[in-house]
Amino acid sequence: MTRLLLVDDHAVVRSGLRMLLSGHSEMEIVGEAATAEEALQKAGEFKPDVILMDIGLPDKTGIEATRAIKARYPDIKIVALTIHEDEEYFFQMLDAGASGYVPKRAAPEELITAITVAAAGEVYLYPSMAKLLVRDYLSAERPAEEKISLDGLTDREREVLTHLAEGANNDEIGEALVISPKTVERHRENIMRKLNLHSRSELVRYAIRKGIIKA
């Protein structure tokens, strides 16, 4: 059972989310908050597994709320659910520690997937945002030692890297690239070894940590 806290300053949005998510037996809504301060308070009170966080809150931004909650309760996963789809908010939210980023225009299935992925300890990014991150990762100027690391990836590994960041699994990547899932897994292992990473979430953090993202 995934325990959820809903954070949005619009009651009608929270009501809609409650109606949507209450229909899933694996999810339980334990609380709601309309401000950043209230979100921090209820995060400590209810200890949810996942928080759905709006960015535009009346007292502080959802980015500031995310940073404060992650500093105090690092095990709580936070998924941004927002109208904002520009680079600035996206990168700052990831830098604050979010485990997912979903625009409010997304299909309900996308939100359910984001919650499930975040609860499992991974990072879910809406496809358009994931492509933005990978594009910047592959093209941004970086120090010579970082270029060496990037150049260490083969063309096929770069293709697999792109699909991984988009949230695809081995079967989906294999189908898209017309290779076997075992081959995909081998490429994934090589990518993680060459970049010294251990999970998809670390892949995202790596891009932030190396200065590709301007927080």
N, C-alpha and C. Protein backbone atom coordinates (compact mmCIF):
# COMPACT_ATOMS: atom_id res chain seq x y z
N MET A 1 0.84 -1.19 0.00
CA MET A 1 0.00 0.00 0.00
C MET A 1 0.88 1.25 0.00
N THR A 2 0.67 2.12 -0.98
CA THR A 2 1.42 3.38 -1.08
C THR A 2 0.60 4.50 -0.44
N ARG A 3 1.17 5.13 0.59
CA ARG A 3 0.48 6.20 1.32
C ARG A 3 0.83 7.54 0.70
N LEU A 4 -0.20 8.34 0.37
CA LEU A 4 0.00 9.57 -0.39
C LEU A 4 -0.43 10.81 0.39
N LEU A 5 0.32 11.90 0.17
CA LEU A 5 -0.06 13.22 0.66
C LEU A 5 -0.24 14.11 -0.57
N LEU A 6 -1.39 14.80 -0.67
CA LEU A 6 -1.69 15.66 -1.81
C LEU A 6 -1.41 17.11 -1.43
N VAL A 7 -0.57 17.79 -2.20
CA VAL A 7 -0.24 19.18 -1.92
C VAL A 7 -0.59 20.04 -3.13
N ASP A 8 -1.63 20.85 -3.00
CA ASP A 8 -2.07 21.76 -4.06
C ASP A 8 -2.93 22.84 -3.42
N ASP A 9 -2.79 24.08 -3.85
CA ASP A 9 -3.55 25.14 -3.20
C ASP A 9 -4.98 25.25 -3.71
N HIS A 10 -5.34 24.45 -4.71
CA HIS A 10 -6.71 24.46 -5.23
C HIS A 10 -7.47 23.23 -4.71
N ALA A 11 -8.52 23.47 -3.95
CA ALA A 11 -9.31 22.38 -3.37
C ALA A 11 -9.91 21.49 -4.44
N VAL A 12 -10.30 22.09 -5.57
CA VAL A 12 -10.93 21.30 -6.63
C VAL A 12 -9.93 20.32 -7.25
N VAL A 13 -8.66 20.72 -7.31
CA VAL A 13 -7.62 19.82 -7.84
C VAL A 13 -7.40 18.66 -6.87
N ARG A 14 -7.31 18.97 -5.58
CA ARG A 14 -7.13 17.92 -4.59
C ARG A 14 -8.31 16.95 -4.59
N SER A 15 -9.51 17.49 -4.75
CA SER A 15 -10.70 16.65 -4.80
C SER A 15 -10.66 15.72 -6.01
N GLY A 16 -10.24 16.26 -7.16
CA GLY A 16 -10.13 15.43 -8.36
C GLY A 16 -9.09 14.34 -8.21
N LEU A 17 -7.97 14.68 -7.59
CA LEU A 17 -6.92 13.68 -7.37
C LEU A 17 -7.40 12.60 -6.41
N ARG A 18 -8.12 13.01 -5.38
CA ARG A 18 -8.64 12.04 -4.42
C ARG A 18 -9.60 11.07 -5.11
N MET A 19 -10.46 11.58 -5.96
CA MET A 19 -11.39 10.72 -6.69
C MET A 19 -10.65 9.75 -7.60
N LEU A 20 -9.62 10.26 -8.28
CA LEU A 20 -8.84 9.43 -9.20
C LEU A 20 -8.07 8.34 -8.47
N LEU A 21 -7.37 8.72 -7.41
CA LEU A 21 -6.45 7.80 -6.74
C LEU A 21 -7.15 6.86 -5.76
N SER A 22 -8.29 7.27 -5.24
CA SER A 22 -9.01 6.41 -4.29
C SER A 22 -9.52 5.14 -4.95
N GLY A 23 -9.60 5.14 -6.26
CA GLY A 23 -10.06 3.95 -6.96
C GLY A 23 -9.00 2.88 -7.10
N HIS A 24 -7.79 3.16 -6.64
CA HIS A 24 -6.70 2.19 -6.74
C HIS A 24 -6.47 1.56 -5.37
N SER A 25 -6.67 0.27 -5.29
CA SER A 25 -6.59 -0.42 -4.00
C SER A 25 -5.17 -0.38 -3.40
N GLU A 26 -4.15 -0.14 -4.26
CA GLU A 26 -2.78 -0.12 -3.75
C GLU A 26 -2.38 1.25 -3.22
N MET A 27 -3.30 2.22 -3.28
CA MET A 27 -2.97 3.58 -2.86
C MET A 27 -3.93 4.09 -1.80
N GLU A 28 -3.38 4.80 -0.82
CA GLU A 28 -4.20 5.38 0.25
C GLU A 28 -3.81 6.84 0.45
N ILE A 29 -4.76 7.73 0.38
CA ILE A 29 -4.50 9.15 0.62
C ILE A 29 -4.61 9.42 2.11
N VAL A 30 -3.48 9.81 2.71
CA VAL A 30 -3.46 9.99 4.17
C VAL A 30 -3.64 11.44 4.59
N GLY A 31 -3.52 12.37 3.64
CA GLY A 31 -3.68 13.76 4.00
C GLY A 31 -3.60 14.69 2.81
N GLU A 32 -3.94 15.97 3.05
CA GLU A 32 -3.90 17.01 2.04
C GLU A 32 -3.28 18.26 2.64
N ALA A 33 -2.69 19.09 1.78
CA ALA A 33 -2.12 20.36 2.23
C ALA A 33 -2.29 21.39 1.12
N ALA A 34 -2.48 22.66 1.52
CA ALA A 34 -2.70 23.73 0.56
C ALA A 34 -1.52 24.71 0.50
N THR A 35 -0.57 24.57 1.43
CA THR A 35 0.59 25.47 1.46
C THR A 35 1.86 24.66 1.69
N ALA A 36 3.00 25.31 1.45
CA ALA A 36 4.28 24.65 1.68
C ALA A 36 4.48 24.34 3.15
N GLU A 37 4.12 25.28 4.01
CA GLU A 37 4.28 25.09 5.45
C GLU A 37 3.41 23.93 5.94
N GLU A 38 2.19 23.87 5.43
CA GLU A 38 1.29 22.79 5.81
C GLU A 38 1.80 21.45 5.29
N ALA A 39 2.40 21.47 4.10
CA ALA A 39 2.97 20.25 3.52
C ALA A 39 4.09 19.70 4.41
N LEU A 40 4.96 20.59 4.89
CA LEU A 40 6.05 20.16 5.76
C LEU A 40 5.51 19.59 7.06
N GLN A 41 4.51 20.25 7.61
CA GLN A 41 3.91 19.78 8.86
C GLN A 41 3.27 18.40 8.70
N LYS A 42 2.51 18.24 7.62
CA LYS A 42 1.80 16.98 7.43
C LYS A 42 2.72 15.86 6.96
N ALA A 43 3.82 16.22 6.33
CA ALA A 43 4.81 15.21 5.97
C ALA A 43 5.35 14.56 7.24
N GLY A 44 5.60 15.38 8.26
CA GLY A 44 6.08 14.86 9.53
C GLY A 44 5.00 14.13 10.30
N GLU A 45 3.77 14.58 10.16
CA GLU A 45 2.66 13.98 10.90
C GLU A 45 2.26 12.62 10.33
N PHE A 46 2.17 12.53 9.00
CA PHE A 46 1.65 11.31 8.37
C PHE A 46 2.73 10.39 7.81
N LYS A 47 3.94 10.91 7.60
CA LYS A 47 5.03 10.12 7.02
C LYS A 47 4.55 9.35 5.77
N PRO A 48 4.07 10.05 4.75
CA PRO A 48 3.60 9.36 3.54
C PRO A 48 4.76 8.74 2.77
N ASP A 49 4.44 7.80 1.91
CA ASP A 49 5.47 7.22 1.04
C ASP A 49 5.79 8.18 -0.11
N VAL A 50 4.73 8.79 -0.65
CA VAL A 50 4.88 9.69 -1.80
C VAL A 50 4.04 10.95 -1.58
N ILE A 51 4.61 12.10 -1.92
CA ILE A 51 3.88 13.36 -1.91
C ILE A 51 3.71 13.85 -3.34
N LEU A 52 2.47 14.17 -3.73
CA LEU A 52 2.23 14.84 -5.00
C LEU A 52 2.30 16.34 -4.73
N MET A 53 3.27 17.00 -5.35
CA MET A 53 3.60 18.38 -5.00
C MET A 53 3.36 19.35 -6.16
N ASP A 54 2.46 20.32 -5.94
CA ASP A 54 2.31 21.41 -6.89
C ASP A 54 3.48 22.37 -6.71
N ILE A 55 3.86 23.07 -7.78
CA ILE A 55 4.97 24.03 -7.66
C ILE A 55 4.47 25.40 -7.23
N GLY A 56 3.30 25.81 -7.72
CA GLY A 56 2.78 27.14 -7.42
C GLY A 56 1.95 27.19 -6.15
N LEU A 57 2.62 27.29 -5.01
CA LEU A 57 1.93 27.37 -3.71
C LEU A 57 1.94 28.81 -3.22
N PRO A 58 0.99 29.20 -2.37
CA PRO A 58 0.84 30.61 -1.99
C PRO A 58 1.91 31.17 -1.07
N ASP A 59 2.52 30.35 -0.23
CA ASP A 59 3.50 30.88 0.71
C ASP A 59 4.93 30.72 0.22
N LYS A 60 5.30 29.52 -0.19
CA LYS A 60 6.60 29.24 -0.79
C LYS A 60 6.37 28.38 -2.02
N THR A 61 7.39 28.21 -2.83
CA THR A 61 7.23 27.36 -4.01
C THR A 61 7.28 25.88 -3.61
N GLY A 62 6.74 25.04 -4.47
CA GLY A 62 6.84 23.61 -4.24
C GLY A 62 8.28 23.14 -4.28
N ILE A 63 9.12 23.90 -4.97
CA ILE A 63 10.56 23.57 -5.00
C ILE A 63 11.16 23.74 -3.60
N GLU A 64 10.84 24.85 -2.96
CA GLU A 64 11.34 25.09 -1.60
C GLU A 64 10.76 24.08 -0.62
N ALA A 65 9.48 23.75 -0.81
CA ALA A 65 8.84 22.76 0.06
C ALA A 65 9.50 21.40 -0.11
N THR A 66 9.80 21.04 -1.34
CA THR A 66 10.44 19.76 -1.62
C THR A 66 11.81 19.69 -0.96
N ARG A 67 12.57 20.75 -1.10
CA ARG A 67 13.91 20.78 -0.51
C ARG A 67 13.84 20.64 1.02
N ALA A 68 12.89 21.33 1.63
CA ALA A 68 12.75 21.28 3.08
C ALA A 68 12.31 19.90 3.56
N ILE A 69 11.36 19.30 2.84
CA ILE A 69 10.86 17.98 3.22
C ILE A 69 11.95 16.93 3.05
N LYS A 70 12.68 16.97 1.94
CA LYS A 70 13.73 15.98 1.70
C LYS A 70 14.87 16.11 2.71
N ALA A 71 15.14 17.34 3.15
CA ALA A 71 16.19 17.55 4.15
C ALA A 71 15.80 16.93 5.48
N ARG A 72 14.51 17.01 5.82
CA ARG A 72 14.05 16.51 7.11
C ARG A 72 13.61 15.05 7.05
N TYR A 73 13.01 14.67 5.92
CA TYR A 73 12.48 13.30 5.77
C TYR A 73 12.96 12.72 4.43
N PRO A 74 14.22 12.34 4.33
CA PRO A 74 14.80 11.92 3.05
C PRO A 74 14.15 10.69 2.42
N ASP A 75 13.47 9.86 3.22
CA ASP A 75 12.86 8.65 2.66
C ASP A 75 11.54 8.93 1.95
N ILE A 76 10.95 10.09 2.16
CA ILE A 76 9.70 10.42 1.48
C ILE A 76 10.00 10.79 0.03
N LYS A 77 9.26 10.18 -0.89
CA LYS A 77 9.43 10.47 -2.30
C LYS A 77 8.46 11.57 -2.72
N ILE A 78 8.91 12.46 -3.58
CA ILE A 78 8.09 13.58 -4.00
C ILE A 78 7.97 13.60 -5.52
N VAL A 79 6.74 13.69 -6.00
CA VAL A 79 6.47 13.77 -7.43
C VAL A 79 5.83 15.13 -7.72
N ALA A 80 6.44 15.91 -8.58
CA ALA A 80 5.87 17.20 -8.97
C ALA A 80 4.68 16.96 -9.91
N LEU A 81 3.57 17.59 -9.60
CA LEU A 81 2.39 17.55 -10.47
C LEU A 81 2.03 19.01 -10.72
N THR A 82 2.32 19.51 -11.92
CA THR A 82 2.32 20.95 -12.12
C THR A 82 1.91 21.35 -13.53
N ILE A 83 1.54 22.62 -13.68
CA ILE A 83 1.24 23.14 -15.02
C ILE A 83 2.53 23.57 -15.72
N HIS A 84 3.60 23.69 -14.97
CA HIS A 84 4.86 24.20 -15.53
C HIS A 84 5.64 23.11 -16.26
N GLU A 85 6.02 23.39 -17.51
CA GLU A 85 6.79 22.42 -18.29
C GLU A 85 8.07 23.04 -18.85
N ASP A 86 8.51 24.15 -18.29
CA ASP A 86 9.73 24.78 -18.79
C ASP A 86 10.95 24.25 -18.04
N GLU A 87 12.11 24.46 -18.64
CA GLU A 87 13.35 23.89 -18.12
C GLU A 87 13.64 24.34 -16.68
N GLU A 88 13.43 25.61 -16.41
CA GLU A 88 13.82 26.16 -15.11
C GLU A 88 13.17 25.42 -13.95
N TYR A 89 11.85 25.27 -13.99
CA TYR A 89 11.15 24.58 -12.90
C TYR A 89 11.52 23.10 -12.86
N PHE A 90 11.61 22.49 -14.03
CA PHE A 90 11.92 21.07 -14.13
C PHE A 90 13.26 20.74 -13.46
N PHE A 91 14.30 21.47 -13.85
CA PHE A 91 15.63 21.20 -13.33
C PHE A 91 15.74 21.53 -11.84
N GLN A 92 15.11 22.62 -11.43
CA GLN A 92 15.17 22.99 -10.01
C GLN A 92 14.44 21.97 -9.15
N MET A 93 13.35 21.43 -9.66
CA MET A 93 12.60 20.44 -8.88
C MET A 93 13.42 19.16 -8.71
N LEU A 94 14.10 18.74 -9.76
CA LEU A 94 14.96 17.56 -9.66
C LEU A 94 16.10 17.83 -8.69
N ASP A 95 16.68 19.02 -8.78
CA ASP A 95 17.79 19.37 -7.91
C ASP A 95 17.36 19.41 -6.45
N ALA A 96 16.09 19.75 -6.21
CA ALA A 96 15.58 19.79 -4.84
C ALA A 96 15.35 18.39 -4.27
N GLY A 97 15.35 17.38 -5.14
CA GLY A 97 15.21 16.01 -4.67
C GLY A 97 13.97 15.27 -5.11
N ALA A 98 13.22 15.83 -6.06
CA ALA A 98 12.00 15.17 -6.53
C ALA A 98 12.33 13.86 -7.24
N SER A 99 11.42 12.90 -7.11
CA SER A 99 11.58 11.60 -7.75
C SER A 99 10.67 11.45 -8.98
N GLY A 100 10.02 12.54 -9.37
CA GLY A 100 9.15 12.47 -10.54
C GLY A 100 8.69 13.85 -10.95
N TYR A 101 8.31 13.97 -12.22
CA TYR A 101 7.83 15.26 -12.73
C TYR A 101 6.76 14.98 -13.77
N VAL A 102 5.51 15.37 -13.47
CA VAL A 102 4.38 15.08 -14.34
C VAL A 102 3.57 16.36 -14.55
N PRO A 103 3.32 16.76 -15.80
CA PRO A 103 2.46 17.93 -16.04
C PRO A 103 0.99 17.58 -15.78
N LYS A 104 0.22 18.58 -15.41
CA LYS A 104 -1.19 18.33 -15.09
C LYS A 104 -2.00 17.92 -16.31
N ARG A 105 -1.47 18.14 -17.51
CA ARG A 105 -2.18 17.73 -18.72
C ARG A 105 -1.98 16.24 -19.02
N ALA A 106 -1.13 15.58 -18.25
CA ALA A 106 -0.84 14.16 -18.51
C ALA A 106 -2.07 13.29 -18.28
N ALA A 107 -2.07 12.14 -18.93
CA ALA A 107 -3.15 11.17 -18.75
C ALA A 107 -3.08 10.59 -17.34
N PRO A 108 -4.23 10.20 -16.76
CA PRO A 108 -4.22 9.62 -15.41
C PRO A 108 -3.25 8.46 -15.27
N GLU A 109 -3.12 7.65 -16.33
CA GLU A 109 -2.21 6.50 -16.27
C GLU A 109 -0.77 6.94 -16.04
N GLU A 110 -0.41 8.09 -16.59
CA GLU A 110 0.95 8.61 -16.41
C GLU A 110 1.21 8.93 -14.94
N LEU A 111 0.22 9.52 -14.28
CA LEU A 111 0.36 9.87 -12.87
C LEU A 111 0.47 8.62 -12.02
N ILE A 112 -0.37 7.63 -12.31
CA ILE A 112 -0.32 6.37 -11.56
C ILE A 112 1.06 5.73 -11.71
N THR A 113 1.58 5.74 -12.93
CA THR A 113 2.91 5.17 -13.17
C THR A 113 3.98 5.94 -12.41
N ALA A 114 3.88 7.26 -12.41
CA ALA A 114 4.86 8.08 -11.71
C ALA A 114 4.88 7.77 -10.22
N ILE A 115 3.71 7.64 -9.63
CA ILE A 115 3.62 7.32 -8.20
C ILE A 115 4.23 5.95 -7.91
N THR A 116 3.90 4.98 -8.74
CA THR A 116 4.41 3.62 -8.56
C THR A 116 5.93 3.57 -8.68
N VAL A 117 6.47 4.25 -9.70
CA VAL A 117 7.91 4.27 -9.92
C VAL A 117 8.62 4.97 -8.76
N ALA A 118 8.10 6.11 -8.34
CA ALA A 118 8.72 6.85 -7.24
C ALA A 118 8.70 6.03 -5.95
N ALA A 119 7.57 5.39 -5.68
CA ALA A 119 7.45 4.58 -4.46
C ALA A 119 8.46 3.44 -4.45
N ALA A 120 8.85 2.97 -5.65
CA ALA A 120 9.82 1.88 -5.76
C ALA A 120 11.25 2.36 -5.66
N GLY A 121 11.43 3.68 -5.50
CA GLY A 121 12.77 4.21 -5.32
C GLY A 121 13.46 4.67 -6.59
N GLU A 122 12.71 4.71 -7.69
CA GLU A 122 13.27 5.17 -8.95
C GLU A 122 12.75 6.55 -9.29
N VAL A 123 13.15 7.08 -10.44
CA VAL A 123 12.73 8.41 -10.88
C VAL A 123 11.86 8.29 -12.13
N TYR A 124 10.71 8.96 -12.11
CA TYR A 124 9.84 8.98 -13.29
C TYR A 124 9.78 10.39 -13.86
N LEU A 125 10.08 10.51 -15.15
CA LEU A 125 10.00 11.79 -15.82
C LEU A 125 9.06 11.67 -17.01
N TYR A 126 8.16 12.62 -17.13
CA TYR A 126 7.26 12.66 -18.28
C TYR A 126 8.12 12.67 -19.54
N PRO A 127 7.73 11.90 -20.58
CA PRO A 127 8.60 11.73 -21.75
C PRO A 127 9.19 13.00 -22.33
N SER A 128 8.41 14.06 -22.46
CA SER A 128 8.95 15.30 -23.05
C SER A 128 10.04 15.90 -22.18
N MET A 129 9.90 15.76 -20.86
CA MET A 129 10.91 16.28 -19.95
C MET A 129 12.15 15.39 -19.93
N ALA A 130 11.95 14.08 -20.01
CA ALA A 130 13.08 13.15 -20.03
C ALA A 130 13.94 13.38 -21.27
N LYS A 131 13.28 13.61 -22.40
CA LYS A 131 14.03 13.86 -23.64
C LYS A 131 14.85 15.14 -23.52
N LEU A 132 14.29 16.13 -22.84
CA LEU A 132 15.01 17.38 -22.63
C LEU A 132 16.27 17.14 -21.82
N LEU A 133 16.15 16.34 -20.77
CA LEU A 133 17.29 16.05 -19.91
C LEU A 133 18.37 15.29 -20.67
N VAL A 134 17.97 14.28 -21.44
CA VAL A 134 18.95 13.48 -22.18
C VAL A 134 19.60 14.32 -23.28
N ARG A 135 18.81 15.17 -23.94
CA ARG A 135 19.37 16.05 -24.98
C ARG A 135 20.45 16.93 -24.39
N ASP A 136 20.17 17.52 -23.23
CA ASP A 136 21.15 18.38 -22.59
C ASP A 136 22.37 17.58 -22.14
N TYR A 137 22.11 16.37 -21.66
CA TYR A 137 23.20 15.51 -21.19
C TYR A 137 24.18 15.19 -22.33
N LEU A 138 23.62 14.89 -23.50
CA LEU A 138 24.45 14.47 -24.62
C LEU A 138 25.11 15.63 -25.35
N SER A 139 24.55 16.83 -25.23
CA SER A 139 25.04 17.95 -26.03
C SER A 139 25.74 19.05 -25.25
N ALA A 140 25.52 19.11 -23.93
CA ALA A 140 26.04 20.25 -23.16
C ALA A 140 27.57 20.26 -23.13
N GLU A 141 28.12 21.48 -23.07
CA GLU A 141 29.56 21.61 -22.89
C GLU A 141 29.91 21.19 -21.47
N ARG A 142 30.99 20.44 -21.33
CA ARG A 142 31.42 19.97 -20.03
C ARG A 142 32.94 19.85 -20.01
N PRO A 143 33.54 19.75 -18.84
CA PRO A 143 35.00 19.63 -18.77
C PRO A 143 35.52 18.43 -19.54
N ALA A 144 36.82 18.46 -19.85
CA ALA A 144 37.41 17.41 -20.68
C ALA A 144 37.20 16.03 -20.10
N GLU A 145 37.35 15.89 -18.77
CA GLU A 145 37.20 14.56 -18.18
C GLU A 145 35.78 14.04 -18.34
N GLU A 146 34.77 14.95 -18.35
CA GLU A 146 33.40 14.51 -18.54
C GLU A 146 33.18 14.10 -19.99
N LYS A 147 33.83 14.79 -20.93
CA LYS A 147 33.70 14.42 -22.33
C LYS A 147 34.27 13.04 -22.59
N ILE A 148 35.36 12.74 -21.90
CA ILE A 148 35.95 11.41 -22.04
C ILE A 148 34.95 10.35 -21.59
N SER A 149 34.30 10.61 -20.45
CA SER A 149 33.31 9.68 -19.94
C SER A 149 32.18 9.48 -20.94
N LEU A 150 31.69 10.59 -21.52
CA LEU A 150 30.60 10.49 -22.48
C LEU A 150 31.06 9.79 -23.74
N ASP A 151 32.27 10.11 -24.22
CA ASP A 151 32.78 9.49 -25.44
C ASP A 151 33.02 8.00 -25.25
N GLY A 152 33.07 7.57 -23.99
CA GLY A 152 33.25 6.15 -23.73
C GLY A 152 32.02 5.32 -24.07
N LEU A 153 30.89 5.97 -24.31
CA LEU A 153 29.67 5.26 -24.68
C LEU A 153 29.63 5.06 -26.19
N THR A 154 29.24 3.86 -26.60
CA THR A 154 29.06 3.60 -28.03
C THR A 154 27.75 4.24 -28.49
N ASP A 155 27.55 4.31 -29.79
CA ASP A 155 26.31 4.86 -30.34
C ASP A 155 25.10 4.09 -29.82
N ARG A 156 25.23 2.76 -29.76
CA ARG A 156 24.12 1.93 -29.27
C ARG A 156 23.86 2.21 -27.80
N GLU A 157 24.92 2.38 -27.02
CA GLU A 157 24.75 2.67 -25.60
C GLU A 157 24.07 4.02 -25.39
N ARG A 158 24.36 4.98 -26.26
CA ARG A 158 23.68 6.27 -26.16
C ARG A 158 22.19 6.12 -26.46
N GLU A 159 21.86 5.26 -27.43
CA GLU A 159 20.46 5.01 -27.73
C GLU A 159 19.76 4.38 -26.53
N VAL A 160 20.42 3.40 -25.92
CA VAL A 160 19.84 2.73 -24.75
C VAL A 160 19.72 3.73 -23.60
N LEU A 161 20.72 4.59 -23.43
CA LEU A 161 20.69 5.62 -22.40
C LEU A 161 19.45 6.50 -22.55
N THR A 162 19.17 6.90 -23.78
CA THR A 162 18.00 7.75 -24.04
C THR A 162 16.72 7.06 -23.61
N HIS A 163 16.56 5.80 -23.99
CA HIS A 163 15.34 5.06 -23.63
C HIS A 163 15.25 4.83 -22.12
N LEU A 164 16.38 4.56 -21.49
CA LEU A 164 16.38 4.37 -20.03
C LEU A 164 15.88 5.62 -19.32
N ALA A 165 16.37 6.78 -19.74
CA ALA A 165 15.97 8.03 -19.11
C ALA A 165 14.51 8.35 -19.36
N GLU A 166 13.96 7.81 -20.44
CA GLU A 166 12.54 8.01 -20.74
C GLU A 166 11.66 7.06 -19.92
N GLY A 167 12.28 6.17 -19.17
CA GLY A 167 11.52 5.28 -18.30
C GLY A 167 11.19 3.93 -18.89
N ALA A 168 11.75 3.60 -20.07
CA ALA A 168 11.44 2.32 -20.72
C ALA A 168 12.15 1.17 -20.01
N ASN A 169 11.52 -0.01 -20.03
CA ASN A 169 12.16 -1.19 -19.46
C ASN A 169 12.92 -1.95 -20.55
N ASN A 170 13.57 -3.04 -20.17
CA ASN A 170 14.42 -3.77 -21.12
C ASN A 170 13.63 -4.31 -22.32
N ASP A 171 12.43 -4.82 -22.07
CA ASP A 171 11.62 -5.35 -23.16
C ASP A 171 11.23 -4.25 -24.14
N GLU A 172 10.83 -3.10 -23.62
CA GLU A 172 10.42 -1.98 -24.47
C GLU A 172 11.59 -1.44 -25.28
N ILE A 173 12.75 -1.36 -24.63
CA ILE A 173 13.94 -0.87 -25.34
C ILE A 173 14.34 -1.86 -26.43
N GLY A 174 14.29 -3.16 -26.09
CA GLY A 174 14.63 -4.19 -27.07
C GLY A 174 13.74 -4.13 -28.30
N GLU A 175 12.44 -3.92 -28.06
CA GLU A 175 11.49 -3.83 -29.17
C GLU A 175 11.76 -2.59 -30.03
N ALA A 176 12.08 -1.47 -29.38
CA ALA A 176 12.32 -0.24 -30.12
C ALA A 176 13.61 -0.30 -30.94
N LEU A 177 14.63 -0.97 -30.41
CA LEU A 177 15.94 -1.02 -31.08
C LEU A 177 16.17 -2.32 -31.84
N VAL A 178 15.18 -3.22 -31.78
CA VAL A 178 15.24 -4.52 -32.47
C VAL A 178 16.45 -5.32 -31.97
N ILE A 179 16.57 -5.42 -30.67
CA ILE A 179 17.59 -6.25 -30.05
C ILE A 179 16.92 -7.00 -28.90
N SER A 180 17.59 -8.01 -28.38
CA SER A 180 16.98 -8.81 -27.32
C SER A 180 17.07 -8.09 -25.98
N PRO A 181 16.14 -8.40 -25.06
CA PRO A 181 16.21 -7.81 -23.71
C PRO A 181 17.54 -8.11 -23.01
N LYS A 182 18.11 -9.29 -23.28
CA LYS A 182 19.41 -9.62 -22.67
C LYS A 182 20.50 -8.68 -23.16
N THR A 183 20.44 -8.34 -24.46
CA THR A 183 21.42 -7.41 -25.01
C THR A 183 21.23 -6.02 -24.41
N VAL A 184 19.97 -5.63 -24.22
CA VAL A 184 19.68 -4.35 -23.58
C VAL A 184 20.29 -4.32 -22.18
N GLU A 185 20.09 -5.39 -21.43
CA GLU A 185 20.62 -5.46 -20.06
C GLU A 185 22.14 -5.34 -20.07
N ARG A 186 22.78 -5.96 -21.05
CA ARG A 186 24.24 -5.88 -21.15
C ARG A 186 24.68 -4.44 -21.42
N HIS A 187 23.96 -3.76 -22.34
CA HIS A 187 24.27 -2.36 -22.62
C HIS A 187 24.05 -1.50 -21.37
N ARG A 188 22.95 -1.79 -20.66
CA ARG A 188 22.65 -1.01 -19.44
C ARG A 188 23.77 -1.17 -18.42
N GLU A 189 24.24 -2.39 -18.24
CA GLU A 189 25.33 -2.62 -17.30
C GLU A 189 26.58 -1.86 -17.70
N ASN A 190 26.86 -1.85 -19.01
CA ASN A 190 28.05 -1.14 -19.50
C ASN A 190 27.93 0.36 -19.28
N ILE A 191 26.72 0.90 -19.52
CA ILE A 191 26.49 2.33 -19.33
C ILE A 191 26.71 2.71 -17.87
N MET A 192 26.09 1.94 -16.98
CA MET A 192 26.20 2.24 -15.56
C MET A 192 27.64 2.10 -15.07
N ARG A 193 28.35 1.10 -15.62
CA ARG A 193 29.75 0.90 -15.21
C ARG A 193 30.61 2.05 -15.71
N LYS A 194 30.43 2.44 -16.97
CA LYS A 194 31.25 3.50 -17.54
C LYS A 194 31.00 4.85 -16.85
N LEU A 195 29.76 5.09 -16.45
CA LEU A 195 29.42 6.35 -15.79
C LEU A 195 29.48 6.23 -14.27
N ASN A 196 29.81 5.02 -13.79
CA ASN A 196 29.90 4.75 -12.35
C ASN A 196 28.59 5.07 -11.64
N LEU A 197 27.47 4.57 -12.21
CA LEU A 197 26.14 4.77 -11.67
C LEU A 197 25.53 3.42 -11.34
N HIS A 198 24.45 3.44 -10.54
CA HIS A 198 23.86 2.19 -10.09
C HIS A 198 22.35 2.10 -10.26
N SER A 199 21.70 3.19 -10.69
CA SER A 199 20.25 3.17 -10.88
C SER A 199 19.85 4.32 -11.80
N ARG A 200 18.61 4.27 -12.27
CA ARG A 200 18.11 5.35 -13.13
C ARG A 200 18.08 6.68 -12.36
N SER A 201 17.76 6.60 -11.07
CA SER A 201 17.73 7.83 -10.28
C SER A 201 19.12 8.45 -10.21
N GLU A 202 20.16 7.65 -10.11
CA GLU A 202 21.52 8.17 -10.08
C GLU A 202 21.90 8.78 -11.42
N LEU A 203 21.33 8.23 -12.50
CA LEU A 203 21.58 8.80 -13.83
C LEU A 203 21.09 10.24 -13.89
N VAL A 204 19.90 10.47 -13.36
CA VAL A 204 19.35 11.83 -13.33
C VAL A 204 20.19 12.71 -12.42
N ARG A 205 20.52 12.22 -11.24
CA ARG A 205 21.32 13.00 -10.30
C ARG A 205 22.70 13.34 -10.90
N TYR A 206 23.24 12.41 -11.66
CA TYR A 206 24.56 12.61 -12.28
C TYR A 206 24.53 13.84 -13.19
N ALA A 207 23.48 13.96 -14.01
CA ALA A 207 23.36 15.09 -14.91
C ALA A 207 23.28 16.40 -14.15
N ILE A 208 22.62 16.38 -13.00
CA ILE A 208 22.52 17.58 -12.17
C ILE A 208 23.87 17.89 -11.53
N ARG A 209 24.49 16.87 -10.96
CA ARG A 209 25.71 17.05 -10.19
C ARG A 209 26.88 17.57 -11.06
N LYS A 210 26.90 17.19 -12.32
CA LYS A 210 28.01 17.56 -13.20
C LYS A 210 27.83 18.92 -13.86
N GLY A 211 26.80 19.66 -13.45
CA GLY A 211 26.66 21.01 -13.93
C GLY A 211 25.92 21.17 -15.24
N ILE A 212 25.34 20.10 -15.75
CA ILE A 212 24.53 20.20 -16.97
C ILE A 212 23.30 21.02 -16.68
N ILE A 213 22.77 20.84 -15.46
CA ILE A 213 21.58 21.56 -15.03
C ILE A 213 21.99 22.76 -14.19
N LYS A 214 21.46 23.91 -14.53
CA LYS A 214 21.71 25.14 -13.76
C LYS A 214 20.58 25.32 -12.74
N ALA A 215 20.84 24.94 -11.50
CA ALA A 215 19.78 25.00 -10.47
C ALA A 215 19.57 26.43 -10.00
